[in-house]
């Protein structure tokens, strides 16, 4: 299955509308802090919340 690439504006709209969860794909907290986007979760935060996220929740991963 190909990865869908979406423009930053669309990502922002989906996250602000609470239609998606934005996740930084870096495992390093240092890289996450350096590349943090508004509304984004670190990979560690995402893993912690994963059991409580609906299976239908859209996930948007990013790396810079």
Protein backbone atom coordinates (compact mmCIF):
# COMPACT_ATOMS: atom_id res chain seq x y z
CA UNK A 1 0.00 0.00 0.00
CA UNK A 2 1.56 3.32 -1.04
CA UNK A 3 2.07 6.05 1.51
CA UNK A 4 -0.20 9.03 0.98
CA UNK A 5 1.66 12.33 1.05
CA UNK A 6 -0.38 15.34 2.05
CA UNK A 7 0.56 19.03 1.98
CA UNK A 8 1.37 20.80 5.27
CA UNK A 9 -1.78 22.92 5.03
CA UNK A 10 -3.98 19.82 4.83
CA UNK A 11 -2.11 18.20 7.70
CA UNK A 12 -2.65 21.29 9.86
CA UNK A 13 -6.36 21.38 8.98
CA UNK A 14 -6.87 17.70 9.89
CA UNK A 15 -4.97 18.00 13.18
CA UNK A 16 -6.74 21.23 14.21
CA UNK A 17 -10.12 19.67 13.39
CA UNK A 18 -9.13 16.70 15.59
CA UNK A 19 -9.53 14.39 12.60
CA UNK A 20 -5.96 13.09 12.83
CA UNK A 21 -3.05 12.58 15.20
CA UNK A 22 0.31 14.05 14.19
CA UNK A 23 3.35 11.99 15.22
CA UNK A 24 7.05 12.76 14.87
CA UNK A 25 8.69 9.62 13.48
CA UNK A 26 12.03 10.21 15.22
CA UNK A 27 12.76 7.90 18.14
CA UNK A 28 15.20 10.43 19.61
CA UNK A 29 13.71 12.98 22.02
CA UNK A 30 16.44 15.42 21.00
CA UNK A 31 15.41 15.21 17.33
CA UNK A 32 11.75 15.51 18.31
CA UNK A 33 12.41 18.70 20.29
CA UNK A 34 14.44 20.12 17.40
CA UNK A 35 11.78 19.27 14.78
CA UNK A 36 8.59 19.57 16.83
CA UNK A 37 5.50 20.73 14.97
CA UNK A 38 2.52 22.34 16.63
CA UNK A 39 0.14 19.62 17.81
CA UNK A 40 2.65 16.84 17.19
CA UNK A 41 3.39 13.98 19.56
CA UNK A 42 6.76 12.43 20.14
CA UNK A 43 7.07 8.78 19.19
CA UNK A 44 7.23 7.91 22.91
CA UNK A 45 4.02 9.87 23.62
CA UNK A 46 2.34 8.18 20.68
CA UNK A 47 3.30 4.69 21.89
CA UNK A 48 1.96 5.56 25.33
CA UNK A 49 -1.41 6.74 23.93
CA UNK A 50 -1.72 4.07 21.24
CA UNK A 51 -3.82 1.62 23.30
CA UNK A 52 -6.46 4.32 23.82
CA UNK A 53 -6.63 5.60 20.24
CA UNK A 54 -9.56 4.41 18.12
CA UNK A 55 -8.47 1.96 15.43
CA UNK A 56 -10.10 4.22 12.85
CA UNK A 57 -8.04 7.25 13.91
CA UNK A 58 -6.00 8.77 11.08
CA UNK A 59 -2.30 8.91 11.92
CA UNK A 60 0.05 11.33 10.19
CA UNK A 61 3.75 10.67 10.69
CA UNK A 62 6.38 13.24 9.82
CA UNK A 63 10.13 13.64 9.85
CA UNK A 64 12.12 16.70 8.90
